[in-house]
């Protein structure tokens, strides 16, 4: 059986995002919210919420139990005052904890993630099954050659 570790992360996240797009509701405030204090603009991707939720599900499965603080560190970046002018040395900035928290709450409502008291979030058997089944589908697509290229 193929697991989430057997396929490339970006291919798995895109496939899981397609699965989650109908199951999760994007908040209304997302179009105005930056993903961290190091960003200048809100995300421009059409399906950003599904992609971020799929990425969170994979990170919880890989590193769980994991808390929101650790996840915000992983989604953070370099804050250097301005992207155009370098007037000071760069500093570290965390990602938006609200985006992470709300996405994890939605994943909990779907039964894919659960809260471990005092430890953080942990993947459920349903979440692991979703990741592994999607990884199996991604692996079968990766193994299949593109026939149009050879025609």
Protein backbone atom coordinates (compact mmCIF):
# COMPACT_ATOMS: atom_id res chain seq x y z
CA UNK A 1 0.00 0.00 0.00
CA UNK A 2 1.23 3.44 -0.89
CA UNK A 3 1.62 5.92 1.96
CA UNK A 4 1.98 9.69 2.05
CA UNK A 5 5.76 9.31 2.32
CA UNK A 6 6.00 7.55 -1.06
CA UNK A 7 4.81 10.43 -3.25
CA UNK A 8 6.10 14.00 -3.74
CA UNK A 9 4.63 16.41 -1.20
CA UNK A 10 3.40 18.98 -3.72
CA UNK A 11 1.52 16.38 -5.78
CA UNK A 12 -0.08 14.94 -2.64
CA UNK A 13 -1.11 18.37 -1.34
CA UNK A 14 -2.71 19.32 -4.67
CA UNK A 15 -4.67 16.04 -4.80
CA UNK A 16 -5.82 16.30 -1.16
CA UNK A 17 -6.80 19.94 -1.77
CA UNK A 18 -9.07 18.78 -4.60
CA UNK A 19 -10.68 16.31 -2.17
CA UNK A 20 -11.12 18.94 0.57
CA UNK A 21 -12.33 21.79 -1.63
CA UNK A 22 -15.98 20.73 -1.41
CA UNK A 23 -15.80 19.70 2.24
CA UNK A 24 -14.33 22.90 3.73
CA UNK A 25 -15.80 26.40 3.66
CA UNK A 26 -13.47 29.30 2.99
CA UNK A 27 -14.04 32.09 5.55
CA UNK A 28 -15.31 35.44 4.26
CA UNK A 29 -12.46 37.35 5.89
CA UNK A 30 -9.75 35.39 4.03
CA UNK A 31 -9.67 37.71 1.02
CA UNK A 32 -8.56 40.58 3.29
CA UNK A 33 -6.15 38.71 5.57
CA UNK A 34 -2.42 38.31 5.06
CA UNK A 35 -0.87 34.92 5.79
CA UNK A 36 1.75 36.48 8.04
CA UNK A 37 3.22 39.80 9.14
CA UNK A 38 6.05 39.32 6.65
CA UNK A 39 3.64 39.47 3.68
CA UNK A 40 2.45 42.56 1.86
CA UNK A 41 -0.74 41.20 0.26
CA UNK A 42 -3.38 38.53 0.95
CA UNK A 43 -3.07 35.23 -0.95
CA UNK A 44 -4.10 35.42 -4.60
CA UNK A 45 -4.65 31.72 -5.29
CA UNK A 46 -8.18 30.69 -6.18
CA UNK A 47 -8.20 27.63 -3.91
CA UNK A 48 -5.80 28.87 -1.21
CA UNK A 49 -7.95 27.63 1.67
CA UNK A 50 -8.06 24.06 0.36
CA UNK A 51 -4.32 24.02 -0.36
CA UNK A 52 -3.42 25.39 3.10
CA UNK A 53 -5.78 22.91 4.78
CA UNK A 54 -4.29 20.01 2.83
CA UNK A 55 -0.80 21.17 3.73
CA UNK A 56 -1.79 21.42 7.40
CA UNK A 57 -3.28 17.92 7.31
CA UNK A 58 -0.03 16.55 5.87
CA UNK A 59 2.10 18.40 8.45
CA UNK A 60 -0.06 17.15 11.34
CA UNK A 61 0.22 13.60 10.00
CA UNK A 62 3.98 13.91 9.56
CA UNK A 63 4.91 15.79 12.76
CA UNK A 64 1.92 15.23 15.08
CA UNK A 65 1.01 15.85 17.74
CA UNK A 66 1.87 19.43 16.85
CA UNK A 67 0.56 22.76 18.12
CA UNK A 68 -0.44 25.99 16.44
CA UNK A 69 2.71 27.80 17.59
CA UNK A 70 4.99 25.27 15.90
CA UNK A 71 2.87 25.32 12.74
CA UNK A 72 2.95 29.12 12.60
CA UNK A 73 6.74 28.93 12.80
CA UNK A 74 6.81 26.54 9.85
CA UNK A 75 4.55 28.80 7.76
CA UNK A 76 6.51 31.94 8.67
CA UNK A 77 9.19 33.73 6.76
CA UNK A 78 11.77 36.48 6.78
CA UNK A 79 10.61 39.95 7.74
CA UNK A 80 13.07 42.57 6.64
CA UNK A 81 11.05 45.76 6.94
CA UNK A 82 10.56 46.18 3.22
CA UNK A 83 10.89 43.97 0.20
CA UNK A 84 12.37 46.75 -1.91
CA UNK A 85 14.88 48.48 0.31
CA UNK A 86 17.25 46.67 2.64
CA UNK A 87 17.68 49.09 5.52
CA UNK A 88 18.13 46.58 8.34
CA UNK A 89 19.00 42.94 8.80
CA UNK A 90 16.20 40.43 8.35
CA UNK A 91 14.16 39.14 11.27
CA UNK A 92 12.03 36.06 11.67
CA UNK A 93 8.23 36.37 11.45
CA UNK A 94 5.59 33.71 12.20
CA UNK A 95 2.69 32.82 9.93
CA UNK A 96 -0.90 33.75 10.73
CA UNK A 97 -2.13 31.70 13.68
CA UNK A 98 -5.77 32.55 12.97
CA UNK A 99 -5.64 30.97 9.51
CA UNK A 100 -4.00 27.85 10.95
CA UNK A 101 -6.41 27.62 13.89
CA UNK A 102 -9.58 28.00 11.80
CA UNK A 103 -8.36 25.50 9.19
CA UNK A 104 -7.54 22.97 11.91
CA UNK A 105 -10.96 23.51 13.48
CA UNK A 106 -12.60 22.78 10.14
CA UNK A 107 -10.47 19.66 9.73
CA UNK A 108 -11.59 18.61 13.23
CA UNK A 109 -15.24 19.07 12.27
CA UNK A 110 -14.62 16.78 9.28
CA UNK A 111 -13.11 14.16 11.60
CA UNK A 112 -9.65 14.25 10.01
CA UNK A 113 -7.79 15.78 12.97
CA UNK A 114 -8.31 15.56 16.74
CA UNK A 115 -7.00 17.54 19.69
CA UNK A 116 -4.65 15.80 22.10
CA UNK A 117 -4.94 17.63 25.42
CA UNK A 118 -1.72 19.47 26.22
CA UNK A 119 0.06 18.11 23.14
CA UNK A 120 -1.57 19.74 20.11
CA UNK A 121 -3.35 18.30 17.09
CA UNK A 122 -3.10 14.67 16.01
CA UNK A 123 -4.32 12.92 12.85
CA UNK A 124 -7.27 10.53 13.11
CA UNK A 125 -7.53 7.19 11.33
CA UNK A 126 -9.94 8.81 8.83
CA UNK A 127 -7.38 11.53 8.09
CA UNK A 128 -4.59 8.98 7.64
CA UNK A 129 -6.85 6.95 5.37
CA UNK A 130 -7.62 10.04 3.24
CA UNK A 131 -3.91 10.82 2.89
CA UNK A 132 -2.91 7.24 2.07
CA UNK A 133 -5.75 6.66 -0.41
CA UNK A 134 -4.99 9.94 -2.15
CA UNK A 135 -1.28 9.05 -2.20
CA UNK A 136 -2.19 5.75 -3.86
CA UNK A 137 -4.14 7.60 -6.56
CA UNK A 138 -1.29 10.09 -7.05
CA UNK A 139 1.22 7.26 -7.34
CA UNK A 140 -0.83 5.54 -10.03
CA UNK A 141 -0.97 8.83 -11.98
CA UNK A 142 2.79 9.33 -11.60
CA UNK A 143 3.56 5.83 -12.88
CA UNK A 144 1.36 6.23 -15.93
CA UNK A 145 3.28 7.78 -18.86
CA UNK A 146 1.77 10.72 -20.71
CA UNK A 147 0.60 9.03 -23.93
CA UNK A 148 -0.07 12.31 -25.75
CA UNK A 149 3.61 13.17 -25.56
CA UNK A 150 4.53 10.03 -27.56
CA UNK A 151 1.83 10.41 -30.22
